[in-house]
Amino acid sequence: MTARSLQYLQVFLLFCWMGASILLWPSLPEKLPVHFGASGAPDAWADRSLFSWFGLPMIGLAMVLLMYALSRIRVGGSLDLWNIPEKDRFLRLTPDQQAPLVERLRRVPLLCGVLTTVMFMALHVGVYQAATGRSSGLPWYSMVVIGVSIVGILAMSIRATQKFGEEVRRA
């Protein structure tokens, strides 16, 4: 996936998430779970408010903006500040040789942003399910999506780092 398509996917997910949150707002009860224990059962509740319901989407948006900013770090002189494998070799490459590698690096935080959004959306679904009494805690599918997102972020980051180092050595 290109960096541009990841950005479009991210905007689409955020738009859907915010739209669903707005549509569900009128049907929310007066109390919302704001924390879940290790078992998935809610262990802290708050009164329904804009912050208690829309806080998670706003945190998700902030995370996405941070990941976008990380993906847009200008190449120029800032490459020597990056913590990347085979940095000395990478810095000796010509700009034309560096360009496809930099594009690969740009996709990593964008993909992390997409996975983070999916994870937060799953948590928000769980909040809604628990708040409306449809579930006694986080539903199993929300916990699975959260777990898979976390593992996906870690695995993708490790693999991207390894692949980047291999590509630098080949260049």
Protein backbone atom coordinates (compact mmCIF):
# COMPACT_ATOMS: atom_id res chain seq x y z
CA MET A 1 0.00 0.00 0.00
CA THR A 2 1.27 3.45 -0.82
CA ALA A 3 1.54 6.24 1.73
CA ARG A 4 -1.24 8.12 -0.10
CA SER A 5 -3.65 5.16 0.02
CA LEU A 6 -2.93 4.69 3.74
CA GLN A 7 -3.79 8.35 4.27
CA TYR A 8 -7.08 7.94 2.38
CA LEU A 9 -7.91 4.81 4.37
CA GLN A 10 -7.17 6.68 7.60
CA VAL A 11 -9.45 9.59 6.68
CA PHE A 12 -12.21 7.15 5.71
CA LEU A 13 -11.93 5.27 9.02
CA LEU A 14 -11.97 8.49 11.05
CA PHE A 15 -14.96 9.80 9.12
CA CYS A 16 -16.91 6.56 9.69
CA TRP A 17 -15.94 6.44 13.37
CA MET A 18 -16.94 10.04 14.03
CA GLY A 19 -20.18 9.64 12.04
CA ALA A 20 -21.16 6.53 13.98
CA SER A 21 -20.30 8.25 17.27
CA ILE A 22 -22.54 11.19 16.41
CA LEU A 23 -25.39 8.89 15.35
CA LEU A 24 -25.14 6.82 18.55
CA TRP A 25 -24.95 9.82 20.90
CA PRO A 26 -28.75 10.17 21.40
CA SER A 27 -29.14 6.49 22.34
CA LEU A 28 -26.48 6.50 25.08
CA PRO A 29 -27.50 5.94 28.71
CA GLU A 30 -26.59 8.41 31.47
CA LYS A 31 -23.54 6.39 32.59
CA LEU A 32 -20.68 5.23 30.35
CA PRO A 33 -17.82 2.89 31.18
CA VAL A 34 -14.51 4.74 30.95
CA HIS A 35 -12.16 1.95 32.03
CA PHE A 36 -12.09 -1.82 31.77
CA GLY A 37 -10.12 -4.23 33.94
CA ALA A 38 -7.96 -7.08 32.67
CA SER A 39 -11.00 -9.36 32.54
CA GLY A 40 -12.81 -6.92 30.24
CA ALA A 41 -15.36 -5.89 32.88
CA PRO A 42 -15.94 -2.15 33.34
CA ASP A 43 -14.42 -0.89 36.58
CA ALA A 44 -14.94 2.88 36.22
CA TRP A 45 -17.97 4.81 34.99
CA ALA A 46 -18.64 8.46 34.13
CA ASP A 47 -21.68 10.56 33.43
CA ARG A 48 -22.57 10.89 29.78
CA SER A 49 -20.84 13.97 28.44
CA LEU A 50 -19.23 15.11 25.23
CA PHE A 51 -15.82 14.28 26.69
CA SER A 52 -16.76 10.83 28.01
CA TRP A 53 -18.18 9.79 24.62
CA PHE A 54 -16.13 11.75 22.09
CA GLY A 55 -12.87 11.73 24.08
CA LEU A 56 -11.70 8.44 22.60
CA PRO A 57 -12.26 9.53 18.97
CA MET A 58 -10.44 12.78 19.74
CA ILE A 59 -7.49 10.87 21.23
CA GLY A 60 -7.55 8.64 18.14
CA LEU A 61 -7.49 11.71 15.90
CA ALA A 62 -4.56 13.15 17.86
CA MET A 63 -2.66 9.86 17.48
CA VAL A 64 -3.33 9.83 13.75
CA LEU A 65 -2.10 13.41 13.39
CA LEU A 66 1.06 12.48 15.29
CA MET A 67 1.65 9.48 13.03
CA TYR A 68 1.03 11.65 9.97
CA ALA A 69 3.52 14.24 11.25
CA LEU A 70 6.10 11.49 11.81
CA SER A 71 5.58 10.27 8.26
CA ARG A 72 6.14 13.78 6.87
CA ILE A 73 9.50 14.48 8.48
CA ARG A 74 11.49 16.17 5.77
CA VAL A 75 14.33 14.23 4.36
CA GLY A 76 16.97 16.87 3.73
CA GLY A 77 19.35 17.19 6.66
CA SER A 78 17.14 15.41 9.17
CA LEU A 79 17.94 11.87 7.98
CA ASP A 80 21.00 11.74 10.22
CA LEU A 81 18.64 12.13 13.20
CA TRP A 82 16.62 9.01 12.31
CA ASN A 83 17.16 5.84 14.30
CA ILE A 84 17.36 3.37 11.45
CA PRO A 85 19.38 0.22 10.79
CA GLU A 86 22.47 0.58 8.62
CA LYS A 87 22.30 4.36 9.04
CA ASP A 88 25.89 4.99 7.90
CA ARG A 89 25.34 3.03 4.69
CA PHE A 90 21.97 4.69 4.15
CA LEU A 91 23.43 8.19 4.51
CA ARG A 92 26.10 7.36 1.91
CA LEU A 93 23.47 6.47 -0.69
CA THR A 94 22.54 9.00 -3.36
CA PRO A 95 19.20 10.79 -3.00
CA ASP A 96 17.81 8.67 -5.86
CA GLN A 97 18.80 5.49 -4.01
CA GLN A 98 17.37 6.81 -0.74
CA ALA A 99 13.98 7.83 -2.20
CA PRO A 100 12.30 4.37 -2.31
CA LEU A 101 13.66 3.58 1.15
CA VAL A 102 12.32 6.84 2.55
CA GLU A 103 8.91 6.03 1.01
CA ARG A 104 9.00 2.68 2.84
CA LEU A 105 9.84 4.48 6.09
CA ARG A 106 6.93 6.91 5.57
CA ARG A 107 4.46 4.02 5.40
CA VAL A 108 5.39 2.61 8.82
CA PRO A 109 3.87 5.36 11.01
CA LEU A 110 0.90 5.66 8.65
CA LEU A 111 0.15 1.95 8.98
CA CYS A 112 0.61 2.23 12.76
CA GLY A 113 -1.96 5.05 12.67
CA VAL A 114 -4.47 2.88 10.78
CA LEU A 115 -4.01 0.00 13.22
CA THR A 116 -4.29 2.37 16.19
CA THR A 117 -7.55 3.74 14.81
CA VAL A 118 -8.94 0.23 14.32
CA MET A 119 -7.92 -0.62 17.89
CA PHE A 120 -9.59 2.51 19.32
CA MET A 121 -12.70 1.89 17.24
CA ALA A 122 -12.96 -1.64 18.67
CA LEU A 123 -12.61 -0.21 22.18
CA HIS A 124 -15.32 2.38 21.44
CA VAL A 125 -17.66 -0.37 20.20
CA GLY A 126 -17.00 -2.16 23.49
CA VAL A 127 -17.80 0.98 25.46
CA TYR A 128 -21.10 1.29 23.60
CA GLN A 129 -21.95 -2.39 24.07
CA ALA A 130 -21.24 -2.23 27.83
CA ALA A 131 -23.00 1.12 28.29
CA THR A 132 -26.20 -0.05 26.62
CA GLY A 133 -26.22 -3.39 28.45
CA ARG A 134 -25.65 -5.45 25.30
CA SER A 135 -22.53 -6.85 26.94
CA SER A 136 -21.35 -7.15 30.54
CA GLY A 137 -17.92 -5.85 29.51
CA LEU A 138 -15.73 -5.57 26.47
CA PRO A 139 -17.09 -8.05 23.92
CA TRP A 140 -14.70 -10.84 22.92
CA TYR A 141 -14.44 -9.48 19.38
CA SER A 142 -13.34 -6.06 20.67
CA MET A 143 -10.64 -7.72 22.76
CA VAL A 144 -9.52 -9.80 19.77
CA VAL A 145 -9.30 -6.73 17.51
CA ILE A 146 -7.38 -4.81 20.19
CA GLY A 147 -4.95 -7.70 20.69
CA VAL A 148 -4.46 -8.27 16.96
CA SER A 149 -3.88 -4.53 16.44
CA ILE A 150 -1.21 -4.39 19.14
CA VAL A 151 0.53 -7.52 17.84
CA GLY A 152 0.21 -6.19 14.28
CA ILE A 153 1.84 -2.87 15.18
CA LEU A 154 4.73 -4.62 16.91
CA ALA A 155 5.24 -7.26 14.21
CA MET A 156 4.97 -4.75 11.38
CA SER A 157 7.45 -2.40 13.05
CA ILE A 158 9.98 -5.18 13.63
CA ARG A 159 9.60 -6.56 10.11
CA ALA A 160 9.79 -3.10 8.51
CA THR A 161 13.02 -2.41 10.40
CA GLN A 162 14.54 -5.72 9.30
CA LYS A 163 13.47 -5.24 5.68
CA PHE A 164 14.79 -1.67 5.65
CA GLY A 165 18.21 -2.87 6.82
CA GLU A 166 18.24 -5.61 4.15
CA GLU A 167 17.33 -3.13 1.41
CA VAL A 168 20.03 -0.67 2.51
CA ARG A 169 22.62 -3.44 2.39
CA ARG A 170 21.47 -4.38 -1.14
CA ALA A 171 21.51 -0.78 -2.42
